[in-house]
PDB file of N, CA and C in Angstrom:
ATOM      1  N   UNK A   1      -7.593  -5.975  -4.542  1.00  0.00           N
ATOM      2  CA  UNK A   1      -6.834  -4.783  -4.235  1.00  0.00           C
ATOM      3  C   UNK A   1      -6.275  -4.200  -5.533  1.00  0.00           C
ATOM      4  N   UNK A   2      -6.114  -2.929  -5.562  1.00  0.00           N
ATOM      5  CA  UNK A   2      -5.594  -2.285  -6.753  1.00  0.00           C
ATOM      6  C   UNK A   2      -4.453  -1.342  -6.374  1.00  0.00           C
ATOM      7  N   UNK A   3      -3.489  -1.229  -7.258  1.00  0.00           N
ATOM      8  CA  UNK A   3      -2.325  -0.383  -7.001  1.00  0.00           C
ATOM      9  C   UNK A   3      -2.733   1.083  -6.904  1.00  0.00           C
ATOM     10  N   UNK A   4      -2.027   1.798  -6.034  1.00  0.00           N
ATOM     11  CA  UNK A   4      -2.284   3.216  -5.811  1.00  0.00           C
ATOM     12  C   UNK A   4      -1.012   3.872  -5.286  1.00  0.00           C
ATOM     13  N   UNK A   5      -1.036   5.157  -5.094  1.00  0.00           N
ATOM     14  CA  UNK A   5       0.057   5.841  -4.421  1.00  0.00           C
ATOM     15  C   UNK A   5      -0.534   6.722  -3.327  1.00  0.00           C
ATOM     16  N   UNK A   6       0.287   7.002  -2.314  1.00  0.00           N
ATOM     17  CA  UNK A   6      -0.140   7.835  -1.183  1.00  0.00           C
ATOM     18  C   UNK A   6       1.041   8.658  -0.700  1.00  0.00           C
ATOM     19  N   UNK A   7       0.728   9.787  -0.065  1.00  0.00           N
ATOM     20  CA  UNK A   7       1.755  10.531   0.654  1.00  0.00           C
ATOM     21  C   UNK A   7       1.912   9.890   2.030  1.00  0.00           C
ATOM     22  N   UNK A   8       3.140   9.761   2.486  1.00  0.00           N
ATOM     23  CA  UNK A   8       3.394   9.149   3.796  1.00  0.00           C
ATOM     24  C   UNK A   8       4.327  10.045   4.593  1.00  0.00           C
ATOM     25  N   UNK A   9       3.941  10.599   5.711  1.00  0.00           N
ATOM     26  CA  UNK A   9       2.768  10.258   6.506  1.00  0.00           C
ATOM     27  C   UNK A   9       1.482  10.972   6.100  1.00  0.00           C
ATOM     28  N   UNK A  10       1.566  12.160   5.484  1.00  0.00           N
ATOM     29  CA  UNK A  10       0.368  12.861   5.044  1.00  0.00           C
ATOM     30  C   UNK A  10       0.734  13.828   3.924  1.00  0.00           C
ATOM     31  N   UNK A  11      -0.268  14.253   3.178  1.00  0.00           N
ATOM     32  CA  UNK A  11      -0.018  15.210   2.101  1.00  0.00           C
ATOM     33  C   UNK A  11       0.539  16.516   2.648  1.00  0.00           C
ATOM     34  N   UNK A  12      -0.039  16.999   3.742  1.00  0.00           N
ATOM     35  CA  UNK A  12       0.423  18.262   4.324  1.00  0.00           C
ATOM     36  C   UNK A  12       1.887  18.175   4.756  1.00  0.00           C
ATOM     37  N   UNK A  13       2.270  17.055   5.307  1.00  0.00           N
ATOM     38  CA  UNK A  13       3.651  16.880   5.769  1.00  0.00           C
ATOM     39  C   UNK A  13       4.625  16.770   4.595  1.00  0.00           C
ATOM     40  N   UNK A  14       4.248  16.070   3.556  1.00  0.00           N
ATOM     41  CA  UNK A  14       5.172  15.781   2.456  1.00  0.00           C
ATOM     42  C   UNK A  14       5.250  16.929   1.451  1.00  0.00           C
ATOM     43  N   UNK A  15       4.133  17.492   1.037  1.00  0.00           N
ATOM     44  CA  UNK A  15       4.161  18.530   0.007  1.00  0.00           C
ATOM     45  C   UNK A  15       3.628  19.872   0.486  1.00  0.00           C
ATOM     46  N   UNK A  16       3.348  19.998   1.759  1.00  0.00           N
ATOM     47  CA  UNK A  16       2.853  21.265   2.283  1.00  0.00           C
ATOM     48  C   UNK A  16       3.829  22.393   1.976  1.00  0.00           C
ATOM     49  N   UNK A  17       3.333  23.461   1.352  1.00  0.00           N
ATOM     50  CA  UNK A  17       4.168  24.605   1.021  1.00  0.00           C
ATOM     51  C   UNK A  17       4.868  24.512  -0.323  1.00  0.00           C
ATOM     52  N   UNK A  18       4.819  23.385  -0.973  1.00  0.00           N
ATOM     53  CA  UNK A  18       5.442  23.239  -2.298  1.00  0.00           C
ATOM     54  C   UNK A  18       4.573  23.941  -3.337  1.00  0.00           C
ATOM     55  N   UNK A  19       5.184  24.498  -4.384  1.00  0.00           N
ATOM     56  CA  UNK A  19       4.397  25.148  -5.433  1.00  0.00           C
ATOM     57  C   UNK A  19       3.424  24.151  -6.083  1.00  0.00           C
ATOM     58  N   UNK A  20       2.197  24.590  -6.346  1.00  0.00           N
ATOM     59  CA  UNK A  20       1.197  23.691  -6.934  1.00  0.00           C
ATOM     60  C   UNK A  20       1.660  23.022  -8.230  1.00  0.00           C
ATOM     61  N   UNK A  21       2.388  23.735  -9.075  1.00  0.00           N
ATOM     62  CA  UNK A  21       2.858  23.138 -10.334  1.00  0.00           C
ATOM     63  C   UNK A  21       3.826  21.990 -10.062  1.00  0.00           C
ATOM     64  N   UNK A  22       4.639  22.124  -9.034  1.00  0.00           N
ATOM     65  CA  UNK A  22       5.572  21.053  -8.688  1.00  0.00           C
ATOM     66  C   UNK A  22       4.818  19.851  -8.134  1.00  0.00           C
ATOM     67  N   UNK A  23       3.796  20.098  -7.325  1.00  0.00           N
ATOM     68  CA  UNK A  23       2.990  19.002  -6.771  1.00  0.00           C
ATOM     69  C   UNK A  23       2.334  18.217  -7.906  1.00  0.00           C
ATOM     70  N   UNK A  24       1.847  18.903  -8.931  1.00  0.00           N
ATOM     71  CA  UNK A  24       1.257  18.231 -10.094  1.00  0.00           C
ATOM     72  C   UNK A  24       2.306  17.358 -10.768  1.00  0.00           C
ATOM     73  N   UNK A  25       3.533  17.858 -10.893  1.00  0.00           N
ATOM     74  CA  UNK A  25       4.619  17.091 -11.506  1.00  0.00           C
ATOM     75  C   UNK A  25       4.918  15.828 -10.687  1.00  0.00           C
ATOM     76  N   UNK A  26       4.947  15.963  -9.365  1.00  0.00           N
ATOM     77  CA  UNK A  26       5.179  14.812  -8.483  1.00  0.00           C
ATOM     78  C   UNK A  26       4.069  13.786  -8.655  1.00  0.00           C
ATOM     79  N   UNK A  27       2.838  14.232  -8.676  1.00  0.00           N
ATOM     80  CA  UNK A  27       1.705  13.316  -8.776  1.00  0.00           C
ATOM     81  C   UNK A  27       1.644  12.600 -10.123  1.00  0.00           C
ATOM     82  N   UNK A  28       2.029  13.272 -11.200  1.00  0.00           N
ATOM     83  CA  UNK A  28       2.096  12.607 -12.507  1.00  0.00           C
ATOM     84  C   UNK A  28       3.169  11.514 -12.493  1.00  0.00           C
ATOM     85  N   UNK A  29       4.322  11.818 -11.900  1.00  0.00           N
ATOM     86  CA  UNK A  29       5.398  10.825 -11.807  1.00  0.00           C
ATOM     87  C   UNK A  29       4.967   9.660 -10.915  1.00  0.00           C
ATOM     88  N   UNK A  30       4.224   9.948  -9.851  1.00  0.00           N
ATOM     89  CA  UNK A  30       3.729   8.885  -8.970  1.00  0.00           C
ATOM     90  C   UNK A  30       2.771   7.970  -9.738  1.00  0.00           C
ATOM     91  N   UNK A  31       1.933   8.542 -10.584  1.00  0.00           N
ATOM     92  CA  UNK A  31       1.035   7.732 -11.420  1.00  0.00           C
ATOM     93  C   UNK A  31       1.832   6.785 -12.317  1.00  0.00           C
ATOM     94  N   UNK A  32       2.927   7.282 -12.888  1.00  0.00           N
ATOM     95  CA  UNK A  32       3.783   6.439 -13.730  1.00  0.00           C
ATOM     96  C   UNK A  32       4.421   5.312 -12.925  1.00  0.00           C
ATOM     97  N   UNK A  33       4.860   5.620 -11.708  1.00  0.00           N
ATOM     98  CA  UNK A  33       5.449   4.588 -10.845  1.00  0.00           C
ATOM     99  C   UNK A  33       4.429   3.508 -10.511  1.00  0.00           C
ATOM    100  N   UNK A  34       3.198   3.902 -10.288  1.00  0.00           N
ATOM    101  CA  UNK A  34       2.140   2.933  -9.991  1.00  0.00           C
ATOM    102  C   UNK A  34       1.935   1.999 -11.179  1.00  0.00           C
ATOM    103  N   UNK A  35       1.884   2.555 -12.384  1.00  0.00           N
ATOM    104  CA  UNK A  35       1.709   1.713 -13.571  1.00  0.00           C
ATOM    105  C   UNK A  35       2.871   0.739 -13.734  1.00  0.00           C
ATOM    106  N   UNK A  36       4.091   1.211 -13.488  1.00  0.00           N
ATOM    107  CA  UNK A  36       5.262   0.341 -13.602  1.00  0.00           C
ATOM    108  C   UNK A  36       5.245  -0.748 -12.531  1.00  0.00           C
ATOM    109  N   UNK A  37       4.912  -0.394 -11.297  1.00  0.00           N
ATOM    110  CA  UNK A  37       4.864  -1.382 -10.224  1.00  0.00           C
ATOM    111  C   UNK A  37       3.778  -2.417 -10.472  1.00  0.00           C
ATOM    112  N   UNK A  38       2.664  -1.969 -10.998  1.00  0.00           N
ATOM    113  CA  UNK A  38       1.561  -2.889 -11.298  1.00  0.00           C
ATOM    114  C   UNK A  38       1.977  -3.910 -12.353  1.00  0.00           C
ATOM    115  N   UNK A  39       2.772  -3.479 -13.324  1.00  0.00           N
ATOM    116  CA  UNK A  39       3.242  -4.391 -14.365  1.00  0.00           C
ATOM    117  C   UNK A  39       4.322  -5.333 -13.841  1.00  0.00           C
ATOM    118  N   UNK A  40       5.158  -4.847 -12.940  1.00  0.00           N
ATOM    119  CA  UNK A  40       6.247  -5.659 -12.407  1.00  0.00           C
ATOM    120  C   UNK A  40       5.768  -6.669 -11.362  1.00  0.00           C
ATOM    121  N   UNK A  41       4.868  -6.246 -10.510  1.00  0.00           N
ATOM    122  CA  UNK A  41       4.334  -7.105  -9.448  1.00  0.00           C
ATOM    123  C   UNK A  41       2.871  -7.394  -9.777  1.00  0.00           C
ATOM    124  N   UNK A  42       2.639  -8.374 -10.640  1.00  0.00           N
ATOM    125  CA  UNK A  42       1.288  -8.636 -11.130  1.00  0.00           C
ATOM    126  C   UNK A  42       0.292  -8.915 -10.018  1.00  0.00           C
ATOM    127  N   UNK A  43       0.693  -9.662  -9.015  1.00  0.00           N
ATOM    128  CA  UNK A  43      -0.153  -9.877  -7.842  1.00  0.00           C
ATOM    129  C   UNK A  43       0.667  -9.500  -6.624  1.00  0.00           C
ATOM    130  N   UNK A  44       0.679  -8.218  -6.323  1.00  0.00           N
ATOM    131  CA  UNK A  44       1.484  -7.719  -5.215  1.00  0.00           C
ATOM    132  C   UNK A  44       1.140  -8.347  -3.879  1.00  0.00           C
ATOM    133  N   UNK A  45      -0.139  -8.678  -3.669  1.00  0.00           N
ATOM    134  CA  UNK A  45      -0.543  -9.257  -2.391  1.00  0.00           C
ATOM    135  C   UNK A  45       0.083 -10.626  -2.153  1.00  0.00           C
ATOM    136  N   UNK A  46       0.512 -11.297  -3.212  1.00  0.00           N
ATOM    137  CA  UNK A  46       1.141 -12.611  -3.088  1.00  0.00           C
ATOM    138  C   UNK A  46       2.671 -12.514  -3.041  1.00  0.00           C
ATOM    139  N   UNK A  47       3.216 -11.311  -3.113  1.00  0.00           N
ATOM    140  CA  UNK A  47       4.668 -11.107  -3.132  1.00  0.00           C
ATOM    141  C   UNK A  47       5.257 -11.512  -1.788  1.00  0.00           C
ATOM    142  N   UNK A  48       6.273 -12.389  -1.801  1.00  0.00           N
ATOM    143  CA  UNK A  48       6.862 -12.893  -0.557  1.00  0.00           C
ATOM    144  C   UNK A  48       8.373 -12.682  -0.479  1.00  0.00           C
ATOM    145  N   UNK A  49       8.933 -11.970  -1.427  1.00  0.00           N
ATOM    146  CA  UNK A  49      10.364 -11.691  -1.409  1.00  0.00           C
ATOM    147  C   UNK A  49      10.645 -10.479  -0.518  1.00  0.00           C
ATOM    148  N   UNK A  50      11.920 -10.172  -0.370  1.00  0.00           N
ATOM    149  CA  UNK A  50      12.288  -8.948   0.322  1.00  0.00           C
ATOM    150  C   UNK A  50      11.842  -7.782  -0.544  1.00  0.00           C
ATOM    151  N   UNK A  51      11.224  -6.806   0.053  1.00  0.00           N
ATOM    152  CA  UNK A  51      10.697  -5.672  -0.702  1.00  0.00           C
ATOM    153  C   UNK A  51      11.797  -4.823  -1.310  1.00  0.00           C
ATOM    154  N   UNK A  52      11.463  -4.099  -2.362  1.00  0.00           N
ATOM    155  CA  UNK A  52      12.445  -3.221  -2.995  1.00  0.00           C
ATOM    156  C   UNK A  52      12.823  -2.078  -2.056  1.00  0.00           C
ATOM    157  N   UNK A  53      13.993  -1.541  -2.252  1.00  0.00           N
ATOM    158  CA  UNK A  53      14.437  -0.412  -1.449  1.00  0.00           C
ATOM    159  C   UNK A  53      13.762   0.858  -1.942  1.00  0.00           C
ATOM    160  N   UNK A  54      13.799   1.865  -1.099  1.00  0.00           N
ATOM    161  CA  UNK A  54      13.308   3.172  -1.509  1.00  0.00           C
ATOM    162  C   UNK A  54      14.192   3.723  -2.617  1.00  0.00           C
ATOM    163  N   UNK A  55      13.695   4.684  -3.338  1.00  0.00           N
ATOM    164  CA  UNK A  55      14.443   5.256  -4.445  1.00  0.00           C
ATOM    165  C   UNK A  55      14.112   6.735  -4.574  1.00  0.00           C
ATOM    166  N   UNK A  56      14.840   7.388  -5.448  1.00  0.00           N
ATOM    167  CA  UNK A  56      14.657   8.811  -5.698  1.00  0.00           C
ATOM    168  C   UNK A  56      14.246   9.008  -7.158  1.00  0.00           C
ATOM    169  N   UNK A  57      13.259   9.846  -7.380  1.00  0.00           N
ATOM    170  CA  UNK A  57      12.827  10.205  -8.734  1.00  0.00           C
ATOM    171  C   UNK A  57      13.222  11.663  -8.957  1.00  0.00           C
ATOM    172  N   UNK A  58      14.054  11.891  -9.959  1.00  0.00           N
ATOM    173  CA  UNK A  58      14.454  13.248 -10.319  1.00  0.00           C
ATOM    174  C   UNK A  58      13.413  13.859 -11.248  1.00  0.00           C
ATOM    175  N   UNK A  59      13.078  15.115 -10.982  1.00  0.00           N
ATOM    176  CA  UNK A  59      12.136  15.861 -11.799  1.00  0.00           C
ATOM    177  C   UNK A  59      12.808  17.146 -12.271  1.00  0.00           C
ATOM    178  N   UNK A  60      12.182  17.866 -13.180  1.00  0.00           N
ATOM    179  CA  UNK A  60      12.765  19.099 -13.688  1.00  0.00           C
ATOM    180  C   UNK A  60      13.006  20.127 -12.579  1.00  0.00           C
ATOM    181  N   UNK A  61      12.071  20.234 -11.648  1.00  0.00           N
ATOM    182  CA  UNK A  61      12.156  21.264 -10.612  1.00  0.00           C
ATOM    183  C   UNK A  61      12.514  20.732  -9.236  1.00  0.00           C
ATOM    184  N   UNK A  62      12.957  19.485  -9.149  1.00  0.00           N
ATOM    185  CA  UNK A  62      13.305  18.926  -7.847  1.00  0.00           C
ATOM    186  C   UNK A  62      13.382  17.411  -7.899  1.00  0.00           C
ATOM    187  N   UNK A  63      12.970  16.792  -6.796  1.00  0.00           N
ATOM    188  CA  UNK A  63      13.022  15.334  -6.702  1.00  0.00           C
ATOM    189  C   UNK A  63      12.072  14.884  -5.608  1.00  0.00           C
ATOM    190  N   UNK A  64      11.828  13.566  -5.575  1.00  0.00           N
ATOM    191  CA  UNK A  64      11.093  13.014  -4.440  1.00  0.00           C
ATOM    192  C   UNK A  64      11.589  11.615  -4.134  1.00  0.00           C
ATOM    193  N   UNK A  65      11.408  11.235  -2.871  1.00  0.00           N
ATOM    194  CA  UNK A  65      11.801   9.925  -2.372  1.00  0.00           C
ATOM    195  C   UNK A  65      10.534   9.091  -2.259  1.00  0.00           C
ATOM    196  N   UNK A  66      10.612   7.846  -2.751  1.00  0.00           N
ATOM    197  CA  UNK A  66       9.435   6.985  -2.710  1.00  0.00           C
ATOM    198  C   UNK A  66       9.826   5.568  -2.291  1.00  0.00           C
ATOM    199  N   UNK A  67       8.828   4.812  -1.889  1.00  0.00           N
ATOM    200  CA  UNK A  67       8.999   3.429  -1.483  1.00  0.00           C
ATOM    201  C   UNK A  67       7.864   2.614  -2.090  1.00  0.00           C
ATOM    202  N   UNK A  68       8.209   1.510  -2.748  1.00  0.00           N
ATOM    203  CA  UNK A  68       7.203   0.607  -3.303  1.00  0.00           C
ATOM    204  C   UNK A  68       7.021  -0.554  -2.320  1.00  0.00           C
ATOM    205  N   UNK A  69       5.776  -0.794  -1.918  1.00  0.00           N
ATOM    206  CA  UNK A  69       5.460  -1.899  -1.009  1.00  0.00           C
ATOM    207  C   UNK A  69       4.499  -2.833  -1.751  1.00  0.00           C
ATOM    208  N   UNK A  70       5.057  -3.899  -2.375  1.00  0.00           N
ATOM    209  CA  UNK A  70       4.217  -4.782  -3.201  1.00  0.00           C
ATOM    210  C   UNK A  70       3.039  -5.398  -2.456  1.00  0.00           C
ATOM    211  N   UNK A  71       3.240  -5.857  -1.214  1.00  0.00           N
ATOM    212  CA  UNK A  71       2.141  -6.524  -0.500  1.00  0.00           C
ATOM    213  C   UNK A  71       0.970  -5.591  -0.233  1.00  0.00           C
ATOM    214  N   UNK A  72       1.251  -4.296  -0.102  1.00  0.00           N
ATOM    215  CA  UNK A  72       0.184  -3.308   0.079  1.00  0.00           C
ATOM    216  C   UNK A  72      -0.298  -2.753  -1.248  1.00  0.00           C
ATOM    217  N   UNK A  73       0.406  -3.119  -2.337  1.00  0.00           N
ATOM    218  CA  UNK A  73       0.133  -2.594  -3.672  1.00  0.00           C
ATOM    219  C   UNK A  73       0.048  -1.069  -3.635  1.00  0.00           C
ATOM    220  N   UNK A  74       1.100  -0.476  -3.060  1.00  0.00           N
ATOM    221  CA  UNK A  74       1.117   0.963  -2.880  1.00  0.00           C
ATOM    222  C   UNK A  74       2.522   1.528  -3.094  1.00  0.00           C
ATOM    223  N   UNK A  75       2.571   2.702  -3.698  1.00  0.00           N
ATOM    224  CA  UNK A  75       3.803   3.486  -3.797  1.00  0.00           C
ATOM    225  C   UNK A  75       3.650   4.635  -2.813  1.00  0.00           C
ATOM    226  N   UNK A  76       4.549   4.708  -1.842  1.00  0.00           N
ATOM    227  CA  UNK A  76       4.489   5.761  -0.839  1.00  0.00           C
ATOM    228  C   UNK A  76       5.459   6.875  -1.200  1.00  0.00           C
ATOM    229  N   UNK A  77       4.945   8.101  -1.297  1.00  0.00           N
ATOM    230  CA  UNK A  77       5.767   9.274  -1.538  1.00  0.00           C
ATOM    231  C   UNK A  77       6.163   9.796  -0.161  1.00  0.00           C
ATOM    232  N   UNK A  78       7.460   9.726   0.149  1.00  0.00           N
ATOM    233  CA  UNK A  78       7.924  10.005   1.504  1.00  0.00           C
ATOM    234  C   UNK A  78       8.452  11.413   1.722  1.00  0.00           C
ATOM    235  N   UNK A  79       9.082  11.993   0.695  1.00  0.00           N
ATOM    236  CA  UNK A  79       9.683  13.306   0.844  1.00  0.00           C
ATOM    237  C   UNK A  79       9.806  13.951  -0.524  1.00  0.00           C
ATOM    238  N   UNK A  80       9.547  15.260  -0.603  1.00  0.00           N
ATOM    239  CA  UNK A  80       9.761  15.991  -1.846  1.00  0.00           C
ATOM    240  C   UNK A  80      10.711  17.141  -1.587  1.00  0.00           C
ATOM    241  N   UNK A  81      11.505  17.456  -2.590  1.00  0.00           N
ATOM    242  CA  UNK A  81      12.413  18.578  -2.534  1.00  0.00           C
ATOM    243  C   UNK A  81      12.239  19.371  -3.801  1.00  0.00           C
ATOM    244  N   UNK A  82      11.812  20.617  -3.647  1.00  0.00           N
ATOM    245  CA  UNK A  82      11.611  21.502  -4.787  1.00  0.00           C
ATOM    246  C   UNK A  82      12.774  22.477  -4.851  1.00  0.00           C
ATOM    247  N   UNK A  83      13.373  22.598  -6.029  1.00  0.00           N
ATOM    248  CA  UNK A  83      14.516  23.503  -6.186  1.00  0.00           C
ATOM    249  C   UNK A  83      14.070  24.923  -6.491  1.00  0.00           C
TER     250      UNK A  83
END
Protein backbone atom coordinates (compact mmCIF):
# COMPACT_ATOMS: atom_id res chain seq x y z
CA UNK A 1 0.00 0.00 0.00
CA UNK A 2 1.18 3.51 -0.63
CA UNK A 3 0.23 6.80 0.99
CA UNK A 4 -2.24 9.03 -0.84
CA UNK A 5 -4.83 11.71 -0.21
CA UNK A 6 -8.52 11.81 -1.13
CA UNK A 7 -11.49 14.12 -0.86
CA UNK A 8 -14.06 12.76 1.59
CA UNK A 9 -16.88 12.18 0.75
CA UNK A 10 -16.20 13.37 -2.83
CA UNK A 11 -14.36 16.05 -4.76
CA UNK A 12 -17.61 17.68 -5.85
CA UNK A 13 -18.85 17.86 -2.26
CA UNK A 14 -15.61 19.17 -0.75
CA UNK A 15 -14.28 21.61 -3.37
CA UNK A 16 -17.23 22.03 -5.72
CA UNK A 17 -17.53 25.72 -6.62
CA UNK A 18 -14.15 26.70 -5.17
CA UNK A 19 -11.87 28.77 -7.42
CA UNK A 20 -9.50 26.53 -9.42
CA UNK A 21 -6.41 28.36 -8.10
CA UNK A 22 -7.49 27.65 -4.53
CA UNK A 23 -8.11 23.97 -5.32
CA UNK A 24 -4.54 23.75 -6.68
CA UNK A 25 -3.27 25.30 -3.43
CA UNK A 26 -5.24 22.74 -1.38
CA UNK A 27 -3.93 19.84 -3.45
CA UNK A 28 -0.30 20.99 -3.13
CA UNK A 29 -0.71 21.20 0.65
CA UNK A 30 -2.34 17.75 0.65
CA UNK A 31 0.71 16.38 -1.20
CA UNK A 32 2.94 17.83 1.54
CA UNK A 33 0.78 16.24 4.25
CA UNK A 34 1.08 12.87 2.53
CA UNK A 35 4.88 13.13 2.46
CA UNK A 36 4.94 14.07 6.15
CA UNK A 37 2.57 11.26 7.14
CA UNK A 38 4.58 8.75 5.13
CA UNK A 39 7.72 9.76 7.02
CA UNK A 40 6.01 9.70 10.42
CA UNK A 41 4.12 6.43 9.95
CA UNK A 42 6.66 4.29 8.10
CA UNK A 43 4.32 1.29 7.95
CA UNK A 44 0.87 2.76 8.39
CA UNK A 45 -0.84 -0.59 7.87
CA UNK A 46 0.84 -1.88 11.04
CA UNK A 47 -0.18 1.18 13.12
CA UNK A 48 -2.15 0.05 16.19
CA UNK A 49 -2.31 3.18 18.33
CA UNK A 50 -5.21 5.59 18.59
CA UNK A 51 -5.30 7.54 15.35
CA UNK A 52 -4.38 11.21 15.19
CA UNK A 53 -7.14 13.78 15.45
CA UNK A 54 -8.29 15.84 12.52
CA UNK A 55 -6.56 19.15 11.99
CA UNK A 56 -6.80 22.39 10.07
CA UNK A 57 -4.31 23.61 7.46
CA UNK A 58 -4.24 27.37 6.95
CA UNK A 59 -3.57 28.61 3.43
CA UNK A 60 -3.16 32.09 1.96
CA UNK A 61 -6.72 32.16 0.59
CA UNK A 62 -8.51 29.98 3.12
CA UNK A 63 -8.15 26.71 5.00
CA UNK A 64 -9.07 23.06 4.93
CA UNK A 65 -9.88 20.35 7.45
CA UNK A 66 -8.12 17.01 7.09
CA UNK A 67 -7.82 13.66 8.83
CA UNK A 68 -4.84 11.30 8.71
CA UNK A 69 -5.74 7.60 8.90
CA UNK A 70 -2.46 5.64 9.24
CA UNK A 71 -3.98 2.16 8.78
CA UNK A 72 -5.47 3.24 5.44
CA UNK A 73 -2.31 5.21 4.60
CA UNK A 74 -4.52 8.07 3.53
CA UNK A 75 -5.02 11.77 4.26
CA UNK A 76 -8.68 12.67 3.88
CA UNK A 77 -9.56 16.24 2.91
CA UNK A 78 -12.92 16.77 4.62
CA UNK A 79 -13.81 20.44 4.17
CA UNK A 80 -12.39 23.52 2.46
CA UNK A 81 -13.11 27.15 3.15
CA UNK A 82 -12.06 29.76 0.63
CA UNK A 83 -11.94 33.38 1.77
